[in-house]
Amino acid sequence: MFKLPVLAVLLAFLFSCNTASAQSNYTVTDFFVPNGTLQLQVRKVVETTYSSRRKLPLLLIHGGIGATTAFDLDVEDASFAKALALGGFTVYVMNIRGWERSTAPAYDLADTSLVAGSCQEAAADIDAVVNYVLQGNPSGKINLFGWAAGGHWAAYYTSQHNNRVANLVVLNSLYGVKAPWYFSDAFADTTDPTKFSSSIAPYRQSTEQAVAETWKANTPPADSASVAADSAMVTAFAKSAVSFNEEHLLKTPGGFRKESFYMANGRKYWDAKDITVPTLIIRGDKDQWSRSVDADTFFNELIAAPNKKKVTIANGGHFVFLDINGNGRRKLLIAINNFVKKGL
């Protein structure tokens, strides 16, 4: 006789949870953090409906696409930052120098040896933002999430500043392993495949159409409920990526391409053994930027991390954090929440 009332209560609870999620409110604050003469663009996203929750600070670091485009896309339910904020994080989204509205130094673009936006420069920018977020708390720590080149930068930073990082999470990132790489031919010198092509400009410039094609080339085919089939998402993503200058081009320092090329050929800019914080390595099995050997080797060489975990997302592509129609983003969010909050 108790089955119906219990079921009714359960359904009411589930409905209220779903309604609360759908009606969640967020405070979004944009500001700049100085790093010497540079100004670094930062966005803070906080979910305010459940204000009594303990909110852990989480800094998101982009890859080859700027941070607000990648992590806070203005499409319904697409914001990865808001999804993380709903899970109980105070989310900070930053742009490394030269991305979106972050300023850049006056690089000598005629210098073919230039690494514009190197991992050392990126780490200095991350440090400036971390210090800003943790100001007034000298013993405070932040959680870091880095995607693709951002994972490379976040890991490099962590290897130098373990005392400032609570947990490190990397997604679809390279490690210094010599192995076949999808982009090797595109980046290699035609006369010497072991060297980065000197004909590639220190700055990358891409049109809106090229950005859209990059999405399509790095997203699994829509043979299931895949975000690749959502043309509105692709269009918004490409338009956002090129919206930060009058030329309507995605203009970014290209040093990450040079470093990635040499990482894929076995060079280590940082060593996993120097990371002493809990580390979560995530890779979509359809990602073309990273390779399974990167995740495996990174994991195996994390000999000093007190907790480490490796997760593979089935049918996950390069932009898995925007996979809102499939299960990719859901699996990513669960992995981050379980590891950072529960150590699982």
Foldseek 3Di string as FASTA:
>chain_A
DCVVVVVVVVVVVVVVVVVCVVPWDKDKDWDWFDQPPKTKIKIKIATPPPVVAAAAEEEEEEDLFAFCLQAVFPDPPQHLQVVLNVVRYGYMTIGQDFHQPIHADDDPQVDLVDQGRDLVSRLSVVVRVLCVVCPPPVQEAHAYEYAELGLVSQLLNLLVCVSRHAEYEYEQYFAQDADDAPCQVVQADPVDSLAGHSPDTQKDKAALVRQLVVVLVFADDPPDQWPSPVVVSSNSSSQVRQVRDPVSINIGGDSSVRVLNNSNRRDGPGFLCSRQHEYEYEYECSERSYDPVRQVVSQVRNPRYPAYYYYYDYSATSSLCSGPRDCSVVVVSVVVCCCSPPVD
